[in-house]
Each structure stands twice: as C-alpha cells, then as structure tokens.
Amino acid sequence: MKGNKTSMSSPKGQITNSQAAVILVNYILAAGILTLPRTSVEKVKTPDVWITVILGGIIAMIIGLIIVKLNQRYPEKTFYQYSQEIVGKWIGGFLSLLIIGYFFTLSAYEVRTMAEVTGLFLLEGTPTWAIILPFIWIGLYLITGGINAIARLFEIIFPITIIIFLLVAFLSLGIFEIDNLRPVLGLGVVPTLKGIKTTTLAFFRL
C-alpha cells in the first residue's frame, strides 16, 4: 500500500485539472469523429440524428460524473483497486480484465484508423506498417514518462486540434440548411433511440 501511495504522488502520476480536461477533449476529438456522422445516420435513418448525438452526449456525461464521484471517494486508489472493494475481488478482477481488453482493442482500432486516414490524405502509397510503427513507438515512449508526459504532449496538440476543428465547423456553415433538421421526430421516438448506443459509445472510443 505504501508503494502505491508513493507511485500516485510522484510527478509521473499527477496531472492538473486543466490537463485532465485537455486529455478528455483530445480523447473525444480523435479519428472516430470522422465516421460518427455516417454510423449514426445508418442507425437512425431520419433527420433526428442531431437529437441522438445530444442524448448520447448526456449519457456519456452522466457516466463521466459517476466516474468522477468514485475517484473522489477513493482518491488514493485506481479503478482496478476500488472496483474490488465495491463489487468484490472476483467480479472486480473480471471488470478490470474487461477494461484492459477494451483499451487494448481500442488502441488497435485507433492505430489502424489513423494509419488509414494518414495513408489516404497524406502518405498515399506508403505501406500501412510504416505508418503504424511510428505511432506505436511514440506511444511506448510516452508511456514510460507516465500520465504527466502524455498530458504535456496533449497540451501542445490541443490548440492545433481546436483550430482545425473550428475551421472545419465554420466552413460547414456554408452548406448548412436548417430545413434538413425537419421534421423533428417525424417518424417517432423509436428511430432516435436506436442510435443512442452508437453515439454514446462514440464518446468513449473517439
């Protein structure tokens, strides 16, 4: 227990509130945002996709609030530690394995997606493995520096990400038509609810 407290209080294991916010925003504004419009429309198949995105965001915020409250209640422990206190050793261990498997799968998905996007727009004709390897090497290098090093890198990337995001958003205003949002709930609530799963998961894997 003493060793755990030492590791948590070290500079590698500490980030500020602003750094946590930057990490969260960068986590959401990732490659998956490029496919969110298509995947959500395929599920809903009505003009009410915007409602589905809002509902998915609200659900994601509620889950995020629960995670924050749990971390405040167990400030010196990680999820893998306090989950075993809440639901028991075996169930907590199983949940931990699920989380580890989820992040391994997510990492593989994100690396492959970034490789495809980079190869399509920037490095056409470059072998996929030659694009993926630098991402993996940089990721491994950042991990050795702890969460603080990752947060500092994200602080550098954050302004660039926001500028590009706002630029794309403002450029899209020229083709925006308010009539495309009508009729609101023209086919009822059911089609909108079908897309909530897709949009909610998007906020966690983007």
C-alpha atoms as a PDB file:
ATOM      1  CA  MET A   1       0.000   0.000   0.000  1.00  0.00           C
ATOM      2  CA  LYS A   2       2.839   2.323   0.803  1.00  0.00           C
ATOM      3  CA  GLY A   3       4.368   1.697  -2.621  1.00  0.00           C
ATOM      4  CA  ASN A   4       1.047   2.541  -4.289  1.00  0.00           C
ATOM      5  CA  LYS A   5       0.833   5.877  -2.484  1.00  0.00           C
ATOM      6  CA  THR A   6       4.349   6.723  -3.497  1.00  0.00           C
ATOM      7  CA  SER A   7       3.684   5.999  -7.152  1.00  0.00           C
ATOM      8  CA  MET A   8       0.445   8.007  -7.107  1.00  0.00           C
ATOM      9  CA  SER A   9       2.114  11.020  -5.526  1.00  0.00           C
ATOM     10  CA  SER A  10       5.053  11.049  -7.927  1.00  0.00           C
ATOM     11  CA  PRO A  11       5.137  13.658 -10.743  1.00  0.00           C
ATOM     12  CA  LYS A  12       4.547  10.900 -13.301  1.00  0.00           C
ATOM     13  CA  GLY A  13       1.212  10.040 -11.687  1.00  0.00           C
ATOM     14  CA  GLN A  14      -0.176  13.552 -11.209  1.00  0.00           C
ATOM     15  CA  ILE A  15      -1.925  15.935 -13.593  1.00  0.00           C
ATOM     16  CA  THR A  16      -3.769  19.195 -13.047  1.00  0.00           C
ATOM     17  CA  ASN A  17      -7.486  19.756 -13.644  1.00  0.00           C
ATOM     18  CA  SER A  18      -6.748  21.667 -16.844  1.00  0.00           C
ATOM     19  CA  GLN A  19      -4.537  18.844 -18.108  1.00  0.00           C
ATOM     20  CA  ALA A  20      -7.319  16.345 -17.368  1.00  0.00           C
ATOM     21  CA  ALA A  21      -9.737  18.486 -19.394  1.00  0.00           C
ATOM     22  CA  VAL A  22      -7.273  18.708 -22.284  1.00  0.00           C
ATOM     23  CA  ILE A  23      -6.784  14.930 -22.282  1.00  0.00           C
ATOM     24  CA  LEU A  24     -10.552  14.389 -22.308  1.00  0.00           C
ATOM     25  CA  VAL A  25     -11.133  16.782 -25.212  1.00  0.00           C
ATOM     26  CA  ASN A  26      -8.295  15.262 -27.246  1.00  0.00           C
ATOM     27  CA  TYR A  27      -9.639  11.793 -26.469  1.00  0.00           C
ATOM     28  CA  ILE A  28     -13.055  12.711 -27.877  1.00  0.00           C
ATOM     29  CA  LEU A  29     -11.810  14.685 -30.902  1.00  0.00           C
ATOM     30  CA  ALA A  30      -9.980  11.752 -32.452  1.00  0.00           C
ATOM     31  CA  ALA A  31     -10.214   9.809 -35.703  1.00  0.00           C
ATOM     32  CA  GLY A  32     -13.593   8.310 -34.828  1.00  0.00           C
ATOM     33  CA  ILE A  33     -15.267  11.688 -35.239  1.00  0.00           C
ATOM     34  CA  LEU A  34     -14.779  11.263 -38.988  1.00  0.00           C
ATOM     35  CA  THR A  35     -17.050   8.200 -39.051  1.00  0.00           C
ATOM     36  CA  LEU A  36     -19.612   9.303 -36.437  1.00  0.00           C
ATOM     37  CA  PRO A  37     -21.964  11.063 -38.914  1.00  0.00           C
ATOM     38  CA  ARG A  38     -22.121   8.040 -41.206  1.00  0.00           C
ATOM     39  CA  THR A  39     -22.522   5.404 -38.483  1.00  0.00           C
ATOM     40  CA  SER A  40     -25.178   7.386 -36.611  1.00  0.00           C
ATOM     41  CA  VAL A  41     -27.206   8.108 -39.767  1.00  0.00           C
ATOM     42  CA  GLU A  42     -27.097   4.431 -40.734  1.00  0.00           C
ATOM     43  CA  LYS A  43     -28.695   3.556 -37.387  1.00  0.00           C
ATOM     44  CA  VAL A  44     -31.292   6.321 -37.129  1.00  0.00           C
ATOM     45  CA  LYS A  45     -32.155   6.831 -40.835  1.00  0.00           C
ATOM     46  CA  THR A  46     -34.093  10.021 -40.032  1.00  0.00           C
ATOM     47  CA  PRO A  47     -33.200  13.741 -39.784  1.00  0.00           C
ATOM     48  CA  ASP A  48     -33.245  13.347 -35.981  1.00  0.00           C
ATOM     49  CA  VAL A  49     -29.610  12.245 -35.768  1.00  0.00           C
ATOM     50  CA  TRP A  50     -28.718  15.512 -34.025  1.00  0.00           C
ATOM     51  CA  ILE A  51     -31.059  14.580 -31.166  1.00  0.00           C
ATOM     52  CA  THR A  52     -29.365  11.198 -30.883  1.00  0.00           C
ATOM     53  CA  VAL A  53     -25.946  12.850 -30.651  1.00  0.00           C
ATOM     54  CA  ILE A  54     -27.176  15.150 -27.857  1.00  0.00           C
ATOM     55  CA  LEU A  55     -28.734  12.270 -25.915  1.00  0.00           C
ATOM     56  CA  GLY A  56     -25.576  10.199 -26.335  1.00  0.00           C
ATOM     57  CA  GLY A  57     -23.525  13.106 -25.029  1.00  0.00           C
ATOM     58  CA  ILE A  58     -25.780  13.495 -21.986  1.00  0.00           C
ATOM     59  CA  ILE A  59     -25.471   9.787 -21.163  1.00  0.00           C
ATOM     60  CA  ALA A  60     -21.696   9.979 -21.563  1.00  0.00           C
ATOM     61  CA  MET A  61     -21.582  12.976 -19.203  1.00  0.00           C
ATOM     62  CA  ILE A  62     -23.650  11.128 -16.589  1.00  0.00           C
ATOM     63  CA  ILE A  63     -21.289   8.144 -16.750  1.00  0.00           C
ATOM     64  CA  GLY A  64     -18.341  10.523 -16.550  1.00  0.00           C
ATOM     65  CA  LEU A  65     -19.864  12.156 -13.458  1.00  0.00           C
ATOM     66  CA  ILE A  66     -20.193   8.743 -11.809  1.00  0.00           C
ATOM     67  CA  ILE A  67     -16.522   8.025 -12.536  1.00  0.00           C
ATOM     68  CA  VAL A  68     -15.519  11.403 -11.068  1.00  0.00           C
ATOM     69  CA  LYS A  69     -17.511  10.750  -7.893  1.00  0.00           C
ATOM     70  CA  LEU A  70     -15.939   7.316  -7.486  1.00  0.00           C
ATOM     71  CA  ASN A  71     -12.455   8.786  -7.914  1.00  0.00           C
ATOM     72  CA  GLN A  72     -13.264  11.457  -5.329  1.00  0.00           C
ATOM     73  CA  ARG A  73     -14.428   8.796  -2.886  1.00  0.00           C
ATOM     74  CA  TYR A  74     -11.283   6.710  -3.441  1.00  0.00           C
ATOM     75  CA  PRO A  75      -8.654   9.409  -4.147  1.00  0.00           C
ATOM     76  CA  GLU A  76      -5.606   7.245  -3.445  1.00  0.00           C
ATOM     77  CA  LYS A  77      -6.734   4.245  -5.496  1.00  0.00           C
ATOM     78  CA  THR A  78      -7.119   3.334  -9.146  1.00  0.00           C
ATOM     79  CA  PHE A  79     -10.234   1.834 -10.747  1.00  0.00           C
ATOM     80  CA  TYR A  80      -8.642  -1.599 -10.574  1.00  0.00           C
ATOM     81  CA  GLN A  81      -8.256  -1.229  -6.811  1.00  0.00           C
ATOM     82  CA  TYR A  82     -11.541   0.299  -5.708  1.00  0.00           C
ATOM     83  CA  SER A  83     -13.666  -1.836  -8.049  1.00  0.00           C
ATOM     84  CA  GLN A  84     -12.720  -4.869  -5.969  1.00  0.00           C
ATOM     85  CA  GLU A  85     -13.847  -3.088  -2.799  1.00  0.00           C
ATOM     86  CA  ILE A  86     -17.201  -2.152  -4.339  1.00  0.00           C
ATOM     87  CA  VAL A  87     -18.258  -5.403  -6.039  1.00  0.00           C
ATOM     88  CA  GLY A  88     -15.841  -7.939  -4.569  1.00  0.00           C
ATOM     89  CA  LYS A  89     -12.488  -9.388  -5.551  1.00  0.00           C
ATOM     90  CA  TRP A  90     -13.611 -11.757  -8.310  1.00  0.00           C
ATOM     91  CA  ILE A  91     -16.161  -9.509 -10.016  1.00  0.00           C
ATOM     92  CA  GLY A  92     -13.814  -6.531  -9.647  1.00  0.00           C
ATOM     93  CA  GLY A  93     -10.987  -8.540 -11.203  1.00  0.00           C
ATOM     94  CA  PHE A  94     -13.252  -9.531 -14.080  1.00  0.00           C
ATOM     95  CA  LEU A  95     -14.271  -5.910 -14.651  1.00  0.00           C
ATOM     96  CA  SER A  96     -10.608  -4.924 -14.642  1.00  0.00           C
ATOM     97  CA  LEU A  97      -9.855  -7.525 -17.308  1.00  0.00           C
ATOM     98  CA  LEU A  98     -12.747  -6.198 -19.396  1.00  0.00           C
ATOM     99  CA  ILE A  99     -11.395  -2.638 -19.124  1.00  0.00           C
ATOM    100  CA  ILE A 100      -7.876  -3.782 -20.077  1.00  0.00           C
ATOM    101  CA  GLY A 101      -9.240  -5.730 -23.043  1.00  0.00           C
ATOM    102  CA  TYR A 102     -11.333  -2.732 -24.083  1.00  0.00           C
ATOM    103  CA  PHE A 103      -8.348  -0.379 -24.143  1.00  0.00           C
ATOM    104  CA  PHE A 104      -6.182  -2.909 -25.990  1.00  0.00           C
ATOM    105  CA  THR A 105      -8.895  -3.273 -28.634  1.00  0.00           C
ATOM    106  CA  LEU A 106      -9.452   0.486 -28.769  1.00  0.00           C
ATOM    107  CA  SER A 107      -5.727   1.116 -29.214  1.00  0.00           C
ATOM    108  CA  ALA A 108      -5.537  -1.323 -32.122  1.00  0.00           C
ATOM    109  CA  TYR A 109      -8.608   0.241 -33.717  1.00  0.00           C
ATOM    110  CA  GLU A 110      -7.330   3.801 -33.329  1.00  0.00           C
ATOM    111  CA  VAL A 111      -3.865   2.985 -34.684  1.00  0.00           C
ATOM    112  CA  ARG A 112      -5.336   1.275 -37.731  1.00  0.00           C
ATOM    113  CA  THR A 113      -7.810   4.121 -38.285  1.00  0.00           C
ATOM    114  CA  MET A 114      -5.073   6.747 -38.046  1.00  0.00           C
ATOM    115  CA  ALA A 115      -2.943   4.728 -40.446  1.00  0.00           C
ATOM    116  CA  GLU A 116      -5.795   4.575 -42.974  1.00  0.00           C
ATOM    117  CA  VAL A 117      -6.553   8.303 -42.674  1.00  0.00           C
ATOM    118  CA  THR A 118      -2.867   9.257 -42.897  1.00  0.00           C
ATOM    119  CA  GLY A 119      -2.329   6.984 -45.878  1.00  0.00           C
ATOM    120  CA  LEU A 120      -5.408   8.354 -47.653  1.00  0.00           C
ATOM    121  CA  PHE A 121      -4.775  12.089 -47.170  1.00  0.00           C
ATOM    122  CA  LEU A 122      -1.033  12.491 -46.522  1.00  0.00           C
ATOM    123  CA  LEU A 123       1.121   9.472 -47.348  1.00  0.00           C
ATOM    124  CA  GLU A 124      -0.563   7.822 -50.307  1.00  0.00           C
ATOM    125  CA  GLY A 125       1.195   4.618 -51.331  1.00  0.00           C
ATOM    126  CA  THR A 126       3.095   4.287 -48.027  1.00  0.00           C
ATOM    127  CA  PRO A 127       2.887   0.781 -46.535  1.00  0.00           C
ATOM    128  CA  THR A 128       0.499   0.575 -43.589  1.00  0.00           C
ATOM    129  CA  TRP A 129       3.139  -0.922 -41.297  1.00  0.00           C
ATOM    130  CA  ALA A 130       5.450   2.041 -41.980  1.00  0.00           C
ATOM    131  CA  ILE A 131       2.734   4.414 -40.757  1.00  0.00           C
ATOM    132  CA  ILE A 132       1.672   2.324 -37.751  1.00  0.00           C
ATOM    133  CA  LEU A 133       5.158   1.742 -36.316  1.00  0.00           C
ATOM    134  CA  PRO A 134       5.899   5.434 -35.559  1.00  0.00           C
ATOM    135  CA  PHE A 135       2.562   5.719 -33.733  1.00  0.00           C
ATOM    136  CA  ILE A 136       3.394   2.667 -31.619  1.00  0.00           C
ATOM    137  CA  TRP A 137       6.951   3.849 -30.871  1.00  0.00           C
ATOM    138  CA  ILE A 138       5.770   7.318 -29.820  1.00  0.00           C
ATOM    139  CA  GLY A 139       3.040   5.767 -27.672  1.00  0.00           C
ATOM    140  CA  LEU A 140       5.505   3.481 -25.908  1.00  0.00           C
ATOM    141  CA  TYR A 141       7.893   6.386 -25.334  1.00  0.00           C
ATOM    142  CA  LEU A 142       5.108   8.482 -23.785  1.00  0.00           C
ATOM    143  CA  ILE A 143       4.005   5.631 -21.519  1.00  0.00           C
ATOM    144  CA  THR A 144       7.478   5.428 -19.996  1.00  0.00           C
ATOM    145  CA  GLY A 145       7.087   9.077 -18.954  1.00  0.00           C
ATOM    146  CA  GLY A 146       3.780   8.499 -17.194  1.00  0.00           C
ATOM    147  CA  ILE A 147       0.474  10.328 -17.461  1.00  0.00           C
ATOM    148  CA  ASN A 148       2.166  13.693 -16.900  1.00  0.00           C
ATOM    149  CA  ALA A 149       4.228  13.366 -20.086  1.00  0.00           C
ATOM    150  CA  ILE A 150       1.115  12.387 -22.051  1.00  0.00           C
ATOM    151  CA  ALA A 151      -0.760  15.380 -20.630  1.00  0.00           C
ATOM    152  CA  ARG A 152       2.032  17.784 -21.608  1.00  0.00           C
ATOM    153  CA  LEU A 153       2.040  16.440 -25.169  1.00  0.00           C
ATOM    154  CA  PHE A 154      -1.728  16.856 -25.364  1.00  0.00           C
ATOM    155  CA  GLU A 155      -1.370  20.441 -24.168  1.00  0.00           C
ATOM    156  CA  ILE A 156       0.839  21.084 -27.205  1.00  0.00           C
ATOM    157  CA  ILE A 157      -1.571  19.347 -29.595  1.00  0.00           C
ATOM    158  CA  PHE A 158      -4.730  20.838 -28.070  1.00  0.00           C
ATOM    159  CA  PRO A 159      -4.608  24.333 -29.681  1.00  0.00           C
ATOM    160  CA  ILE A 160      -3.918  22.812 -33.106  1.00  0.00           C
ATOM    161  CA  THR A 161      -6.809  20.383 -32.682  1.00  0.00           C
ATOM    162  CA  ILE A 162      -9.250  23.114 -31.642  1.00  0.00           C
ATOM    163  CA  ILE A 163      -8.213  25.422 -34.506  1.00  0.00           C
ATOM    164  CA  ILE A 164      -8.697  22.668 -37.108  1.00  0.00           C
ATOM    165  CA  PHE A 165     -11.998  21.602 -35.544  1.00  0.00           C
ATOM    166  CA  LEU A 166     -13.375  25.168 -35.514  1.00  0.00           C
ATOM    167  CA  LEU A 167     -12.126  25.764 -39.060  1.00  0.00           C
ATOM    168  CA  VAL A 168     -13.964  22.689 -40.342  1.00  0.00           C
ATOM    169  CA  ALA A 169     -17.080  23.662 -38.370  1.00  0.00           C
ATOM    170  CA  PHE A 170     -17.140  27.218 -39.735  1.00  0.00           C
ATOM    171  CA  LEU A 171     -16.511  26.030 -43.294  1.00  0.00           C
ATOM    172  CA  SER A 172     -19.510  23.724 -42.926  1.00  0.00           C
ATOM    173  CA  LEU A 173     -21.804  26.649 -42.106  1.00  0.00           C
ATOM    174  CA  GLY A 174     -21.913  27.499 -45.797  1.00  0.00           C
ATOM    175  CA  ILE A 175     -23.682  24.244 -46.652  1.00  0.00           C
ATOM    176  CA  PHE A 176     -25.845  24.075 -43.517  1.00  0.00           C
ATOM    177  CA  GLU A 177     -29.595  24.022 -44.148  1.00  0.00           C
ATOM    178  CA  ILE A 178     -31.946  24.287 -41.168  1.00  0.00           C
ATOM    179  CA  ASP A 179     -34.690  22.588 -43.194  1.00  0.00           C
ATOM    180  CA  ASN A 180     -32.615  19.380 -43.205  1.00  0.00           C
ATOM    181  CA  LEU A 181     -33.438  19.012 -39.495  1.00  0.00           C
ATOM    182  CA  ARG A 182     -37.151  18.802 -40.228  1.00  0.00           C
ATOM    183  CA  PRO A 183     -39.488  17.172 -39.476  1.00  0.00           C
ATOM    184  CA  VAL A 184     -38.422  16.802 -35.839  1.00  0.00           C
ATOM    185  CA  LEU A 185     -39.350  13.313 -34.643  1.00  0.00           C
ATOM    186  CA  GLY A 186     -41.376  12.840 -37.809  1.00  0.00           C
ATOM    187  CA  LEU A 187     -41.122   9.049 -37.538  1.00  0.00           C
ATOM    188  CA  GLY A 188     -41.454   8.965 -33.770  1.00  0.00           C
ATOM    189  CA  VAL A 189     -39.015   8.475 -30.911  1.00  0.00           C
ATOM    190  CA  VAL A 190     -38.050   4.854 -31.670  1.00  0.00           C
ATOM    191  CA  PRO A 191     -35.637   5.575 -34.588  1.00  0.00           C
ATOM    192  CA  THR A 192     -33.885   8.181 -32.448  1.00  0.00           C
ATOM    193  CA  LEU A 193     -33.459   5.759 -29.563  1.00  0.00           C
ATOM    194  CA  LYS A 194     -31.908   3.171 -31.915  1.00  0.00           C
ATOM    195  CA  GLY A 195     -28.920   5.443 -32.490  1.00  0.00           C
ATOM    196  CA  ILE A 196     -28.210   6.269 -28.834  1.00  0.00           C
ATOM    197  CA  LYS A 197     -25.980   3.227 -28.412  1.00  0.00           C
ATOM    198  CA  THR A 198     -23.856   4.252 -31.400  1.00  0.00           C
ATOM    199  CA  THR A 199     -23.449   7.879 -30.332  1.00  0.00           C
ATOM    200  CA  THR A 200     -22.866   7.063 -26.665  1.00  0.00           C
ATOM    201  CA  LEU A 201     -20.128   4.563 -27.484  1.00  0.00           C
ATOM    202  CA  ALA A 202     -18.638   7.099 -29.881  1.00  0.00           C
ATOM    203  CA  PHE A 203     -17.939   9.474 -26.989  1.00  0.00           C
ATOM    204  CA  PHE A 204     -15.966   6.698 -25.275  1.00  0.00           C
ATOM    205  CA  ARG A 205     -13.989   5.408 -28.273  1.00  0.00           C
ATOM    206  CA  LEU A 206     -13.413   8.574 -30.314  1.00  0.00           C
END
